[in-house]
C-alpha atoms as a PDB file:
ATOM      1  CA  MET A   1       6.623  12.640  -0.885  1.00  0.00           C
ATOM      2  CA  LYS A   2       7.627  11.391  -4.322  1.00  0.00           C
ATOM      3  CA  TRP A   3       5.386  11.859  -7.347  1.00  0.00           C
ATOM      4  CA  SER A   4       6.246   9.900 -10.478  1.00  0.00           C
ATOM      5  CA  ILE A   5       4.712   9.277 -13.869  1.00  0.00           C
ATOM      6  CA  ARG A   6       4.131   5.643 -14.752  1.00  0.00           C
ATOM      7  CA  ASN A   7       2.916   6.235 -18.304  1.00  0.00           C
ATOM      8  CA  LEU A   8       1.335   8.722 -20.705  1.00  0.00           C
ATOM      9  CA  ASP A   9      -1.375   8.325 -23.323  1.00  0.00           C
ATOM     10  CA  SER A  10      -0.981  10.660 -26.278  1.00  0.00           C
ATOM     11  CA  ASP A  11      -2.348  11.302 -29.735  1.00  0.00           C
ATOM     12  CA  PRO A  12       0.035   9.509 -32.142  1.00  0.00           C
ATOM     13  CA  GLU A  13      -0.166  12.264 -34.753  1.00  0.00           C
ATOM     14  CA  SER A  14       0.049  15.417 -32.645  1.00  0.00           C
ATOM     15  CA  GLY A  15       1.915  13.988 -29.649  1.00  0.00           C
ATOM     16  CA  ILE A  16      -0.495  15.784 -27.339  1.00  0.00           C
ATOM     17  CA  VAL A  17      -0.736  13.991 -24.002  1.00  0.00           C
ATOM     18  CA  ASN A  18      -4.316  13.341 -22.921  1.00  0.00           C
ATOM     19  CA  LYS A  19      -3.925  10.966 -19.970  1.00  0.00           C
ATOM     20  CA  VAL A  20      -1.365  10.666 -17.204  1.00  0.00           C
ATOM     21  CA  TYR A  21      -0.782   7.537 -15.105  1.00  0.00           C
ATOM     22  CA  TYR A  22       0.861   8.471 -11.829  1.00  0.00           C
ATOM     23  CA  GLN A  23       2.071   7.235  -8.472  1.00  0.00           C
ATOM     24  CA  CYS A  24       2.581   9.154  -5.264  1.00  0.00           C
ATOM     25  CA  TYR A  25       4.872   7.366  -2.787  1.00  0.00           C
ATOM     26  CA  HIS A  26       6.254   8.034   0.665  1.00  0.00           C
ATOM     27  CA  LYS A  27       8.456   6.015   3.006  1.00  0.00           C
ATOM     28  CA  ASP A  28       8.654   6.851   6.684  1.00  0.00           C
ATOM     29  CA  GLU A  29      12.367   6.933   7.452  1.00  0.00           C
ATOM     30  CA  ASP A  30      11.977   6.053  11.147  1.00  0.00           C
ATOM     31  CA  SER A  31       9.793   2.973  10.728  1.00  0.00           C
ATOM     32  CA  GLY A  32      10.581   1.978   7.147  1.00  0.00           C
ATOM     33  CA  ILE A  33       6.846   1.779   6.444  1.00  0.00           C
ATOM     34  CA  SER A  34       5.827   2.939   2.987  1.00  0.00           C
ATOM     35  CA  GLN A  35       2.555   3.688   1.267  1.00  0.00           C
ATOM     36  CA  SER A  36       1.619   4.703  -2.243  1.00  0.00           C
ATOM     37  CA  VAL A  37      -1.364   5.799  -4.282  1.00  0.00           C
ATOM     38  CA  SER A  38      -1.560   5.139  -8.011  1.00  0.00           C
ATOM     39  CA  GLY A  39      -4.070   6.413 -10.484  1.00  0.00           C
ATOM     40  CA  ASP A  40      -4.698   8.063 -13.807  1.00  0.00           C
ATOM     41  CA  HIS A  41      -6.178  11.339 -14.852  1.00  0.00           C
ATOM     42  CA  LEU A  42      -7.356  12.862 -18.106  1.00  0.00           C
ATOM     43  CA  LEU A  43      -5.767  16.148 -19.138  1.00  0.00           C
ATOM     44  CA  ASP A  44      -7.435  19.035 -20.912  1.00  0.00           C
ATOM     45  CA  GLU A  45      -6.492  19.977 -24.457  1.00  0.00           C
ATOM     46  CA  PRO A  46      -3.472  22.274 -24.120  1.00  0.00           C
ATOM     47  CA  SER A  47      -3.908  25.982 -24.631  1.00  0.00           C
ATOM     48  CA  GLY A  48      -1.093  28.140 -25.910  1.00  0.00           C
ATOM     49  CA  THR A  49       2.218  26.647 -26.919  1.00  0.00           C
ATOM     50  CA  VAL A  50       2.272  22.856 -27.172  1.00  0.00           C
ATOM     51  CA  VAL A  51       5.332  21.097 -25.769  1.00  0.00           C
ATOM     52  CA  PRO A  52       6.638  18.672 -28.403  1.00  0.00           C
ATOM     53  CA  TYR A  53       6.246  15.079 -27.226  1.00  0.00           C
ATOM     54  CA  LYS A  54       9.999  14.421 -27.341  1.00  0.00           C
ATOM     55  CA  ASP A  55      10.595  17.421 -25.052  1.00  0.00           C
ATOM     56  CA  ILE A  56       8.168  16.407 -22.296  1.00  0.00           C
ATOM     57  CA  THR A  57       9.920  15.679 -19.012  1.00  0.00           C
ATOM     58  CA  GLU A  58       8.571  13.807 -16.028  1.00  0.00           C
ATOM     59  CA  GLU A  59       8.658  17.075 -14.087  1.00  0.00           C
ATOM     60  CA  LYS A  60       6.499  18.765 -16.742  1.00  0.00           C
ATOM     61  CA  ALA A  61       3.985  15.873 -16.729  1.00  0.00           C
ATOM     62  CA  ILE A  62       3.776  16.029 -12.905  1.00  0.00           C
ATOM     63  CA  GLU A  63       3.210  19.780 -13.173  1.00  0.00           C
ATOM     64  CA  TRP A  64       0.340  19.196 -15.648  1.00  0.00           C
ATOM     65  CA  LEU A  65      -1.158  16.500 -13.429  1.00  0.00           C
ATOM     66  CA  LYS A  66      -1.033  18.596 -10.259  1.00  0.00           C
ATOM     67  CA  ALA A  67      -2.474  21.615 -12.071  1.00  0.00           C
ATOM     68  CA  LYS A  68      -5.338  19.476 -13.402  1.00  0.00           C
ATOM     69  CA  ILE A  69      -6.267  17.789 -10.118  1.00  0.00           C
ATOM     70  CA  GLY A  70      -5.768  20.950  -8.063  1.00  0.00           C
ATOM     71  CA  GLU A  71      -3.805  21.819  -4.965  1.00  0.00           C
ATOM     72  CA  SER A  72      -6.455  20.557  -2.537  1.00  0.00           C
ATOM     73  CA  ASN A  73      -6.564  17.117  -4.216  1.00  0.00           C
ATOM     74  CA  VAL A  74      -2.754  16.935  -4.228  1.00  0.00           C
ATOM     75  CA  GLU A  75      -2.835  17.673  -0.487  1.00  0.00           C
ATOM     76  CA  ASN A  76      -5.610  15.087   0.066  1.00  0.00           C
ATOM     77  CA  ILE A  77      -3.588  12.380  -1.697  1.00  0.00           C
ATOM     78  CA  GLU A  78      -0.462  13.207   0.302  1.00  0.00           C
ATOM     79  CA  ASP A  79      -2.424  13.436   3.582  1.00  0.00           C
ATOM     80  CA  THR A  80      -4.063  10.055   2.893  1.00  0.00           C
ATOM     81  CA  ILE A  81      -0.667   8.448   2.379  1.00  0.00           C
ATOM     82  CA  LEU A  82       0.684   9.934   5.627  1.00  0.00           C
ATOM     83  CA  SER A  83      -2.466   8.871   7.483  1.00  0.00           C
ATOM     84  CA  GLU A  84      -2.167   5.288   6.226  1.00  0.00           C
ATOM     85  CA  ILE A  85       1.473   5.157   7.334  1.00  0.00           C
ATOM     86  CA  GLU A  86       0.458   6.386  10.809  1.00  0.00           C
ATOM     87  CA  LYS A  87      -2.238   3.697  10.993  1.00  0.00           C
ATOM     88  CA  LYS A  88       0.365   1.054  10.151  1.00  0.00           C
ATOM     89  CA  LYS A  89       2.766   2.453  12.762  1.00  0.00           C
ATOM     90  CA  ASN A  90       0.052   2.604  15.439  1.00  0.00           C
ATOM     91  CA  PRO A  91      -2.549  -0.075  14.646  1.00  0.00           C
ATOM     92  CA  THR A  92      -5.890   0.012  16.441  1.00  0.00           C
ATOM     93  CA  VAL A  93      -6.772  -3.551  15.442  1.00  0.00           C
ATOM     94  CA  ALA A  94      -4.630  -6.641  15.959  1.00  0.00           C
ATOM     95  CA  ASN A  95      -4.657  -9.224  13.203  1.00  0.00           C
ATOM     96  CA  GLY A  96      -3.778 -12.893  13.406  1.00  0.00           C
ATOM     97  CA  LYS A  97      -4.672 -16.207  15.066  1.00  0.00           C
ATOM     98  CA  PRO A  98      -3.523 -17.031  18.583  1.00  0.00           C
ATOM     99  CA  TRP A  99      -2.821 -20.677  17.721  1.00  0.00           C
ATOM    100  CA  GLU A 100      -0.221 -19.863  15.093  1.00  0.00           C
END
């Protein structure tokens, strides 16, 4: 499962990040089927030491995001992606037109 940050919104004066735009992506190696979830989430005002904007890494932003949404929501997102891949690998509904 690959989490990535697509963008950040921040206060231009303080550099404090207040919104994270993310994507969670997974590709099934056996089938080649992939699925992703994208979204955004507001962050709380930081407490304690503020990381200067220029020193923020993608890993740090992912850490903030996961801490904000919580472990159970991280697991739900990842489980949803895996479930959607399984549905694509083993469809229960056929789609198409028999005359084409």
